[in-house]
Amino acid sequence: MDYLYIKALHVIFVVTWFAGLFYMVRLFIYTKEANEKEEPTRLILITQLTLMQKKLWYIITWPSFIATFIFGPWMLYLNPAILTFPWMWLKLIFVGLLALYHLQCHAYYKQQQAGIFKSSSFKLRLFNELATVFLVAIVFLIIVRSTSGLVWGMIGLFIFAALLMGGVYIYKRQRKTMADKENGNIPPETLNN
């Protein structure tokens, strides 16, 4: 019975960790874009967004990260036989990569808190989709638990990642076109096409 309680807590904190990661990178994007606005809008937005980042990062995301890495190994301790399955090792590799993603988010957080905006909003949008790729991989490995389906799962994962990246690229082009139209940078004869 203890195992099920630990598993439930692990799942809860994984969900809140992902929620924090997804929203945090969106805040990085909004903060980067706010930095390009004129004053006083820039100062107002940056102040609010960096405050939101700080609260999200230290009240939700970091505690969820820590709790995930408490309850996950605790489950493995209670049920070590699960480590005999290749899918579990692959899942742990993806979790390790997700932890590195989290640490990269922390680096972005520290930069933006210091007023440093090295990455473009497009790069941050692509980075944001990487968490989705990790989520899909981890969930499929946990639910399907198949070693024979790992190859097809990885192919599907790469196709899914490519579709996500394509969607981000299309979104970027549409935003640029809309901005050009608003700024009058597109000749009137092309607006009807």
Protein backbone atom coordinates (compact mmCIF):
# COMPACT_ATOMS: atom_id res chain seq x y z
CA MET A 1 0.00 0.00 0.00
CA ASP A 2 2.87 2.42 0.74
CA TYR A 3 4.10 2.02 -2.84
CA LEU A 4 0.81 3.32 -4.27
CA TYR A 5 0.91 6.44 -2.07
CA ILE A 6 4.51 7.11 -3.09
CA LYS A 7 3.58 6.55 -6.74
CA ALA A 8 0.63 8.96 -6.47
CA LEU A 9 2.85 11.65 -4.93
CA HIS A 10 5.49 11.05 -7.61
CA VAL A 11 2.92 11.52 -10.40
CA ILE A 12 1.51 14.66 -8.76
CA PHE A 13 4.94 16.27 -8.52
CA VAL A 14 5.90 15.23 -12.06
CA VAL A 15 2.74 16.97 -13.30
CA THR A 16 3.43 20.15 -11.33
CA TRP A 17 7.10 20.08 -12.41
CA PHE A 18 6.08 19.92 -16.07
CA ALA A 19 3.47 22.65 -15.54
CA GLY A 20 6.18 24.85 -14.05
CA LEU A 21 8.61 24.14 -16.89
CA PHE A 22 6.01 24.79 -19.59
CA TYR A 23 4.89 28.10 -18.10
CA MET A 24 8.39 29.21 -17.11
CA VAL A 25 9.72 29.11 -20.65
CA ARG A 26 6.62 31.00 -21.84
CA LEU A 27 7.50 33.67 -19.26
CA PHE A 28 11.05 33.76 -20.67
CA ILE A 29 9.58 34.40 -24.12
CA TYR A 30 7.23 37.13 -22.87
CA THR A 31 10.04 38.77 -20.89
CA LYS A 32 12.38 38.72 -23.89
CA GLU A 33 9.67 40.31 -26.06
CA ALA A 34 8.83 42.86 -23.34
CA ASN A 35 12.48 43.88 -23.29
CA GLU A 36 12.08 45.06 -26.89
CA LYS A 37 9.17 47.43 -26.06
CA GLU A 38 9.42 51.18 -25.49
CA GLU A 39 9.54 52.72 -22.01
CA PRO A 40 7.54 52.85 -19.71
CA THR A 41 5.81 49.70 -21.03
CA ARG A 42 9.13 47.84 -21.04
CA LEU A 43 9.88 48.56 -17.37
CA ILE A 44 6.34 47.73 -16.21
CA LEU A 45 6.22 44.43 -18.10
CA ILE A 46 9.76 43.34 -17.17
CA THR A 47 9.11 44.07 -13.49
CA GLN A 48 5.89 42.06 -13.46
CA LEU A 49 7.17 39.17 -15.59
CA THR A 50 10.40 38.70 -13.63
CA LEU A 51 8.37 38.68 -10.40
CA MET A 52 6.10 36.01 -11.89
CA GLN A 53 9.19 34.04 -12.94
CA LYS A 54 10.62 34.17 -9.42
CA LYS A 55 7.41 32.98 -7.77
CA LEU A 56 6.80 30.21 -10.31
CA TRP A 57 10.41 29.02 -10.20
CA TYR A 58 10.89 28.90 -6.44
CA ILE A 59 7.35 28.16 -5.22
CA ILE A 60 6.27 25.54 -7.80
CA THR A 61 8.97 24.38 -10.21
CA TRP A 62 12.00 23.79 -7.96
CA PRO A 63 9.98 22.15 -5.15
CA SER A 64 8.27 19.90 -7.72
CA PHE A 65 11.65 18.98 -9.21
CA ILE A 66 13.01 18.07 -5.78
CA ALA A 67 9.90 16.09 -4.79
CA THR A 68 9.98 14.21 -8.11
CA PHE A 69 13.55 13.16 -7.37
CA ILE A 70 12.59 12.07 -3.86
CA PHE A 71 9.52 9.99 -4.71
CA GLY A 72 10.89 8.50 -7.97
CA PRO A 73 13.95 6.86 -6.40
CA TRP A 74 11.81 5.90 -3.40
CA MET A 75 9.56 3.92 -5.78
CA LEU A 76 12.64 2.25 -7.26
CA TYR A 77 13.82 1.37 -3.76
CA LEU A 78 10.44 -0.20 -2.96
CA ASN A 79 10.28 -2.02 -6.31
CA PRO A 80 13.87 -2.61 -7.57
CA ALA A 81 12.72 -5.33 -9.99
CA ILE A 82 11.46 -2.61 -12.33
CA LEU A 83 15.10 -1.76 -13.10
CA THR A 84 15.44 -5.06 -14.97
CA PHE A 85 13.34 -3.69 -17.85
CA PRO A 86 15.09 -1.83 -20.70
CA TRP A 87 12.18 0.63 -21.07
CA MET A 88 12.77 1.83 -17.48
CA TRP A 89 16.40 2.61 -18.21
CA LEU A 90 15.41 4.53 -21.32
CA LYS A 91 12.80 6.41 -19.29
CA LEU A 92 15.48 7.27 -16.70
CA ILE A 93 17.70 8.59 -19.50
CA PHE A 94 14.88 10.90 -20.64
CA VAL A 95 14.31 11.99 -17.04
CA GLY A 96 18.03 12.79 -16.80
CA LEU A 97 17.78 14.86 -19.98
CA LEU A 98 14.73 16.60 -18.53
CA ALA A 99 16.75 17.41 -15.40
CA LEU A 100 19.42 18.99 -17.65
CA TYR A 101 16.62 20.93 -19.37
CA HIS A 102 15.51 22.15 -15.93
CA LEU A 103 19.06 23.31 -15.16
CA GLN A 104 19.21 25.15 -18.49
CA CYS A 105 15.93 26.84 -17.54
CA HIS A 106 17.61 27.90 -14.31
CA ALA A 107 20.45 29.46 -16.34
CA TYR A 108 17.90 31.37 -18.47
CA TYR A 109 16.10 32.41 -15.27
CA LYS A 110 19.31 33.80 -13.74
CA GLN A 111 20.15 35.67 -16.95
CA GLN A 112 16.73 37.30 -17.24
CA GLN A 113 16.65 38.20 -13.56
CA ALA A 114 19.96 40.01 -14.19
CA GLY A 115 18.50 41.80 -17.24
CA ILE A 116 20.47 39.70 -19.75
CA PHE A 117 18.53 38.53 -22.82
CA LYS A 118 20.90 36.45 -24.95
CA SER A 119 18.40 34.10 -26.60
CA SER A 120 15.90 35.21 -29.21
CA SER A 121 12.20 34.59 -28.62
CA PHE A 122 12.31 32.13 -31.56
CA LYS A 123 15.09 30.11 -29.90
CA LEU A 124 13.14 30.14 -26.64
CA ARG A 125 10.01 28.93 -28.47
CA LEU A 126 11.98 26.00 -29.88
CA PHE A 127 13.44 25.33 -26.44
CA ASN A 128 9.90 25.35 -25.00
CA GLU A 129 8.88 22.50 -27.32
CA LEU A 130 11.72 20.31 -26.09
CA ALA A 131 9.87 19.76 -22.79
CA THR A 132 6.91 18.45 -24.79
CA VAL A 133 9.18 15.95 -26.53
CA PHE A 134 10.45 14.72 -23.14
CA LEU A 135 6.90 14.47 -21.82
CA VAL A 136 5.74 12.40 -24.79
CA ALA A 137 8.75 10.08 -24.57
CA ILE A 138 8.42 9.51 -20.81
CA VAL A 139 4.67 8.95 -20.85
CA PHE A 140 4.82 6.50 -23.75
CA LEU A 141 7.62 4.55 -22.10
CA ILE A 142 5.73 4.32 -18.81
CA ILE A 143 2.39 3.38 -20.36
CA VAL A 144 3.46 1.10 -23.23
CA ARG A 145 6.39 -0.57 -21.41
CA SER A 146 7.51 -2.21 -24.60
CA THR A 147 11.05 -3.00 -25.67
CA SER A 148 9.95 -4.16 -29.12
CA GLY A 149 8.08 -0.90 -29.70
CA LEU A 150 10.96 1.33 -28.60
CA VAL A 151 12.31 1.74 -32.14
CA TRP A 152 8.89 2.72 -33.52
CA GLY A 153 8.33 4.91 -30.49
CA MET A 154 11.60 6.75 -31.11
CA ILE A 155 10.77 7.21 -34.80
CA GLY A 156 7.37 8.57 -33.80
CA LEU A 157 9.01 10.83 -31.23
CA PHE A 158 11.35 12.30 -33.84
CA ILE A 159 8.44 12.83 -36.25
CA PHE A 160 6.47 14.48 -33.44
CA ALA A 161 9.45 16.72 -32.62
CA ALA A 162 9.84 17.69 -36.27
CA LEU A 163 6.13 18.59 -36.48
CA LEU A 164 6.43 20.71 -33.33
CA MET A 165 9.47 22.54 -34.69
CA GLY A 166 7.69 23.07 -38.01
CA GLY A 167 4.71 24.52 -36.18
CA VAL A 168 6.96 26.94 -34.31
CA TYR A 169 8.59 28.01 -37.59
CA ILE A 170 5.21 28.59 -39.26
CA TYR A 171 4.05 30.57 -36.23
CA LYS A 172 7.18 32.74 -36.43
CA ARG A 173 6.57 33.48 -40.12
CA GLN A 174 2.92 34.36 -39.48
CA ARG A 175 3.88 36.73 -36.66
CA LYS A 176 6.45 38.42 -38.87
CA THR A 177 3.93 38.81 -41.71
CA MET A 178 1.35 40.29 -39.33
CA ALA A 179 3.94 42.68 -37.87
CA ASP A 180 5.00 43.73 -41.37
CA LYS A 181 1.36 44.41 -42.30
CA GLU A 182 0.83 46.48 -39.14
CA ASN A 183 3.99 48.48 -39.78
CA GLY A 184 3.17 49.00 -43.47
CA ASN A 185 6.26 47.11 -44.65
CA ILE A 186 4.36 45.03 -47.22
CA PRO A 187 3.39 46.55 -50.57
CA PRO A 188 -0.42 47.03 -50.85
CA GLU A 189 -0.69 44.79 -53.94
CA THR A 190 0.56 41.76 -51.93
CA LEU A 191 -1.94 42.26 -49.11
CA ASN A 192 -4.78 40.82 -51.19
CA ASN A 193 -2.88 37.57 -51.94
